[in-house]
Amino acid sequence: MKDNPCPCGSGASFDRCCRPWLEGEAAPTAELLMRSRYTAYVLGRRDYLRQSWHVSTRPAALSLSDQVRWLGLKITDVRQGTAGDVQGEVRFEAAFIEHGRFLRLHELSRFMRADGRWYYVDGDSRISVVGRNEPCPCGSGRKSKRCCMAR
């Protein structure tokens, strides 16, 4: 993925964005951890998802469906979560296709910083269906039915 755009949608290359966090460096903010976790879902990095999940809420096992194709991430709000904080919240939307259905995950994720590292704690989420005539979440500017939904 060298020099490819990062899946998290930051606009930076993967090498300059999420790769350092996926390789073990501590993400300096809750938002950057959120972006790297989204990237881990795109890449199927179950190990990273578990490592970046706080031990108090981490599931014993984590399965990822090979039927999911992630299309894009949009951060809609960030509260706290900077280097000087111990807690943070990141609200986001992530579009995906699963079993031929075009869906959008909406979540308010909560994070905690412990021992100099940010961890995902939990989140409140819901899933909505993306309509055929809605703009495609991939950012193409086309309607969903003429873009990712047509693939």
C-alpha atoms as a PDB file:
ATOM      1  CA  MET A   1       0.000   0.000   0.000  1.00  0.00           C
ATOM      2  CA  LYS A   2       3.042   2.257  -0.148  1.00  0.00           C
ATOM      3  CA  ASP A   3       2.085   5.734  -1.412  1.00  0.00           C
ATOM      4  CA  ASN A   4      -1.563   4.662  -1.754  1.00  0.00           C
ATOM      5  CA  PRO A   5      -4.173   6.867  -0.112  1.00  0.00           C
ATOM      6  CA  CYS A   6      -5.002   5.752   3.410  1.00  0.00           C
ATOM      7  CA  PRO A   7      -8.328   3.887   3.631  1.00  0.00           C
ATOM      8  CA  CYS A   8      -9.375   6.174   6.517  1.00  0.00           C
ATOM      9  CA  GLY A   9     -10.019   9.013   4.074  1.00  0.00           C
ATOM     10  CA  SER A  10      -7.616  11.518   5.651  1.00  0.00           C
ATOM     11  CA  GLY A  11      -6.139  12.392   2.270  1.00  0.00           C
ATOM     12  CA  ALA A  12      -2.658  11.331   3.366  1.00  0.00           C
ATOM     13  CA  SER A  13      -0.808   8.270   2.113  1.00  0.00           C
ATOM     14  CA  PHE A  14      -1.172   5.062   4.102  1.00  0.00           C
ATOM     15  CA  ASP A  15       2.527   5.237   5.060  1.00  0.00           C
ATOM     16  CA  ARG A  16       2.132   8.744   6.496  1.00  0.00           C
ATOM     17  CA  CYS A  17      -1.230   8.104   8.123  1.00  0.00           C
ATOM     18  CA  CYS A  18      -2.400   4.831   9.704  1.00  0.00           C
ATOM     19  CA  ARG A  19       0.555   2.528   9.004  1.00  0.00           C
ATOM     20  CA  PRO A  20       2.615   3.651  12.059  1.00  0.00           C
ATOM     21  CA  TRP A  21      -0.302   2.939  14.422  1.00  0.00           C
ATOM     22  CA  LEU A  22      -0.992  -0.444  12.795  1.00  0.00           C
ATOM     23  CA  GLU A  23       2.684  -1.308  13.269  1.00  0.00           C
ATOM     24  CA  GLY A  24       2.668  -0.563  16.993  1.00  0.00           C
ATOM     25  CA  GLU A  25       3.286   3.157  17.517  1.00  0.00           C
ATOM     26  CA  ALA A  26       0.860   4.814  19.934  1.00  0.00           C
ATOM     27  CA  ALA A  27      -1.732   6.957  18.161  1.00  0.00           C
ATOM     28  CA  PRO A  28      -1.465  10.453  19.696  1.00  0.00           C
ATOM     29  CA  THR A  29      -5.219  11.187  19.646  1.00  0.00           C
ATOM     30  CA  ALA A  30      -8.505   9.326  19.922  1.00  0.00           C
ATOM     31  CA  GLU A  31      -9.429  10.430  16.386  1.00  0.00           C
ATOM     32  CA  LEU A  32      -6.249   8.966  14.931  1.00  0.00           C
ATOM     33  CA  LEU A  33      -6.889   5.718  16.789  1.00  0.00           C
ATOM     34  CA  MET A  34     -10.445   5.705  15.371  1.00  0.00           C
ATOM     35  CA  ARG A  35      -9.097   6.225  11.848  1.00  0.00           C
ATOM     36  CA  SER A  36      -6.542   3.447  12.296  1.00  0.00           C
ATOM     37  CA  ARG A  37      -9.218   1.080  13.594  1.00  0.00           C
ATOM     38  CA  TYR A  38     -11.363   1.785  10.520  1.00  0.00           C
ATOM     39  CA  THR A  39      -8.303   1.049   8.367  1.00  0.00           C
ATOM     40  CA  ALA A  40      -7.789  -2.195  10.299  1.00  0.00           C
ATOM     41  CA  TYR A  41     -11.365  -3.230   9.451  1.00  0.00           C
ATOM     42  CA  VAL A  42     -10.711  -2.458   5.770  1.00  0.00           C
ATOM     43  CA  LEU A  43      -7.495  -4.510   5.832  1.00  0.00           C
ATOM     44  CA  GLY A  44      -8.871  -7.332   7.990  1.00  0.00           C
ATOM     45  CA  ARG A  45      -6.377  -6.682  10.800  1.00  0.00           C
ATOM     46  CA  ARG A  46      -8.187  -8.494  13.619  1.00  0.00           C
ATOM     47  CA  ASP A  47      -4.980  -8.470  15.707  1.00  0.00           C
ATOM     48  CA  TYR A  48      -4.779  -4.673  15.708  1.00  0.00           C
ATOM     49  CA  LEU A  49      -8.466  -4.280  16.478  1.00  0.00           C
ATOM     50  CA  ARG A  50      -8.103  -6.474  19.557  1.00  0.00           C
ATOM     51  CA  GLN A  51      -4.860  -4.783  20.692  1.00  0.00           C
ATOM     52  CA  SER A  52      -6.405  -1.309  20.406  1.00  0.00           C
ATOM     53  CA  TRP A  53      -9.549  -2.354  22.345  1.00  0.00           C
ATOM     54  CA  HIS A  54      -9.428  -1.611  26.080  1.00  0.00           C
ATOM     55  CA  VAL A  55      -9.033  -4.818  28.086  1.00  0.00           C
ATOM     56  CA  SER A  56     -12.125  -4.012  30.204  1.00  0.00           C
ATOM     57  CA  THR A  57     -14.440  -4.286  27.180  1.00  0.00           C
ATOM     58  CA  ARG A  58     -12.406  -6.332  24.681  1.00  0.00           C
ATOM     59  CA  PRO A  59     -14.299  -9.338  23.337  1.00  0.00           C
ATOM     60  CA  ALA A  60     -12.744 -12.766  23.809  1.00  0.00           C
ATOM     61  CA  ALA A  61     -12.857 -13.314  20.049  1.00  0.00           C
ATOM     62  CA  LEU A  62     -13.423 -11.066  17.075  1.00  0.00           C
ATOM     63  CA  SER A  63     -14.635 -12.294  13.718  1.00  0.00           C
ATOM     64  CA  LEU A  64     -14.650 -10.177  10.574  1.00  0.00           C
ATOM     65  CA  SER A  65     -16.973 -10.989   7.714  1.00  0.00           C
ATOM     66  CA  ASP A  66     -15.390 -11.446   4.304  1.00  0.00           C
ATOM     67  CA  GLN A  67     -18.775 -10.352   2.924  1.00  0.00           C
ATOM     68  CA  VAL A  68     -18.199  -6.722   3.988  1.00  0.00           C
ATOM     69  CA  ARG A  69     -16.655  -4.167   1.628  1.00  0.00           C
ATOM     70  CA  TRP A  70     -15.886  -0.878   3.370  1.00  0.00           C
ATOM     71  CA  LEU A  71     -16.473   2.198   1.208  1.00  0.00           C
ATOM     72  CA  GLY A  72     -15.546   5.205   3.297  1.00  0.00           C
ATOM     73  CA  LEU A  73     -15.246   6.886   6.669  1.00  0.00           C
ATOM     74  CA  LYS A  74     -16.551  10.302   7.648  1.00  0.00           C
ATOM     75  CA  ILE A  75     -15.692  11.765  11.061  1.00  0.00           C
ATOM     76  CA  THR A  76     -18.592  14.003  12.107  1.00  0.00           C
ATOM     77  CA  ASP A  77     -17.566  15.124  15.614  1.00  0.00           C
ATOM     78  CA  VAL A  78     -14.632  14.831  18.019  1.00  0.00           C
ATOM     79  CA  ARG A  79     -14.794  15.679  21.713  1.00  0.00           C
ATOM     80  CA  GLN A  80     -11.632  15.680  23.769  1.00  0.00           C
ATOM     81  CA  GLY A  81      -9.245  12.853  22.944  1.00  0.00           C
ATOM     82  CA  THR A  82      -6.099  14.963  22.565  1.00  0.00           C
ATOM     83  CA  ALA A  83      -2.685  14.227  24.063  1.00  0.00           C
ATOM     84  CA  GLY A  84      -3.652  16.031  27.295  1.00  0.00           C
ATOM     85  CA  ASP A  85      -6.933  14.158  27.799  1.00  0.00           C
ATOM     86  CA  VAL A  86      -7.673  10.767  29.331  1.00  0.00           C
ATOM     87  CA  GLN A  87     -11.032  10.313  27.606  1.00  0.00           C
ATOM     88  CA  GLY A  88     -12.376  11.139  24.186  1.00  0.00           C
ATOM     89  CA  GLU A  89     -15.337  10.612  21.899  1.00  0.00           C
ATOM     90  CA  VAL A  90     -15.422  10.318  18.128  1.00  0.00           C
ATOM     91  CA  ARG A  91     -18.672  10.311  16.162  1.00  0.00           C
ATOM     92  CA  PHE A  92     -18.417   8.840  12.672  1.00  0.00           C
ATOM     93  CA  GLU A  93     -20.237   7.299   9.743  1.00  0.00           C
ATOM     94  CA  ALA A  94     -18.782   4.385   7.800  1.00  0.00           C
ATOM     95  CA  ALA A  95     -20.387   3.159   4.585  1.00  0.00           C
ATOM     96  CA  PHE A  96     -20.174  -0.477   3.554  1.00  0.00           C
ATOM     97  CA  ILE A  97     -21.749  -3.152   1.416  1.00  0.00           C
ATOM     98  CA  GLU A  98     -22.679  -6.453   3.024  1.00  0.00           C
ATOM     99  CA  HIS A  99     -24.480  -9.283   1.224  1.00  0.00           C
ATOM    100  CA  GLY A 100     -25.399  -6.870  -1.564  1.00  0.00           C
ATOM    101  CA  ARG A 101     -26.969  -4.321   0.800  1.00  0.00           C
ATOM    102  CA  PHE A 102     -25.621  -0.769   0.867  1.00  0.00           C
ATOM    103  CA  LEU A 103     -25.404   0.286   4.536  1.00  0.00           C
ATOM    104  CA  ARG A 104     -24.056   3.034   6.770  1.00  0.00           C
ATOM    105  CA  LEU A 105     -22.780   2.522  10.319  1.00  0.00           C
ATOM    106  CA  HIS A 106     -23.311   5.526  12.618  1.00  0.00           C
ATOM    107  CA  GLU A 107     -21.389   5.360  15.884  1.00  0.00           C
ATOM    108  CA  LEU A 108     -20.379   7.462  18.843  1.00  0.00           C
ATOM    109  CA  SER A 109     -17.181   5.743  19.997  1.00  0.00           C
ATOM    110  CA  ARG A 110     -15.643   6.235  23.427  1.00  0.00           C
ATOM    111  CA  PHE A 111     -11.898   6.093  24.038  1.00  0.00           C
ATOM    112  CA  MET A 112      -9.619   6.039  27.064  1.00  0.00           C
ATOM    113  CA  ARG A 113      -5.924   6.834  27.359  1.00  0.00           C
ATOM    114  CA  ALA A 114      -3.931   4.578  29.678  1.00  0.00           C
ATOM    115  CA  ASP A 115      -0.159   4.222  29.983  1.00  0.00           C
ATOM    116  CA  GLY A 116       0.347   6.705  27.137  1.00  0.00           C
ATOM    117  CA  ARG A 117      -1.874   4.835  24.648  1.00  0.00           C
ATOM    118  CA  TRP A 118      -5.404   5.425  23.420  1.00  0.00           C
ATOM    119  CA  TYR A 119      -7.831   2.499  23.496  1.00  0.00           C
ATOM    120  CA  TYR A 120     -11.309   1.983  22.105  1.00  0.00           C
ATOM    121  CA  VAL A 121     -13.706   1.339  25.004  1.00  0.00           C
ATOM    122  CA  ASP A 122     -17.173   1.038  23.477  1.00  0.00           C
ATOM    123  CA  GLY A 123     -19.705   2.812  21.328  1.00  0.00           C
ATOM    124  CA  ASP A 124     -23.349   3.483  20.659  1.00  0.00           C
ATOM    125  CA  SER A 125     -24.124   2.475  17.102  1.00  0.00           C
ATOM    126  CA  ARG A 126     -26.901   2.004  14.618  1.00  0.00           C
ATOM    127  CA  ILE A 127     -27.017   0.932  10.999  1.00  0.00           C
ATOM    128  CA  SER A 128     -29.069   2.593   8.293  1.00  0.00           C
ATOM    129  CA  VAL A 129     -29.750   1.642   4.696  1.00  0.00           C
ATOM    130  CA  VAL A 130     -28.312   3.952   2.040  1.00  0.00           C
ATOM    131  CA  GLY A 131     -30.952   4.835  -0.533  1.00  0.00           C
ATOM    132  CA  ARG A 132     -30.380   4.285  -4.244  1.00  0.00           C
ATOM    133  CA  ASN A 133     -30.835   8.001  -4.984  1.00  0.00           C
ATOM    134  CA  GLU A 134     -28.621   9.264  -2.145  1.00  0.00           C
ATOM    135  CA  PRO A 135     -25.108  10.548  -2.911  1.00  0.00           C
ATOM    136  CA  CYS A 136     -22.614   7.708  -2.831  1.00  0.00           C
ATOM    137  CA  PRO A 137     -20.594   7.723   0.420  1.00  0.00           C
ATOM    138  CA  CYS A 138     -17.381   7.068  -1.522  1.00  0.00           C
ATOM    139  CA  GLY A 139     -17.349  10.772  -2.432  1.00  0.00           C
ATOM    140  CA  SER A 140     -17.676  10.384  -6.193  1.00  0.00           C
ATOM    141  CA  GLY A 141     -20.585  12.836  -6.374  1.00  0.00           C
ATOM    142  CA  ARG A 142     -22.732  10.260  -8.173  1.00  0.00           C
ATOM    143  CA  LYS A 143     -25.903   8.658  -6.880  1.00  0.00           C
ATOM    144  CA  SER A 144     -25.383   5.349  -5.082  1.00  0.00           C
ATOM    145  CA  LYS A 145     -27.243   3.379  -7.740  1.00  0.00           C
ATOM    146  CA  ARG A 146     -24.801   4.629 -10.402  1.00  0.00           C
ATOM    147  CA  CYS A 147     -21.644   4.175  -8.342  1.00  0.00           C
ATOM    148  CA  CYS A 148     -20.627   1.658  -5.659  1.00  0.00           C
ATOM    149  CA  MET A 149     -24.081   0.080  -5.568  1.00  0.00           C
ATOM    150  CA  ALA A 150     -23.756  -0.715  -9.282  1.00  0.00           C
ATOM    151  CA  ARG A 151     -20.524  -2.713  -8.799  1.00  0.00           C
END
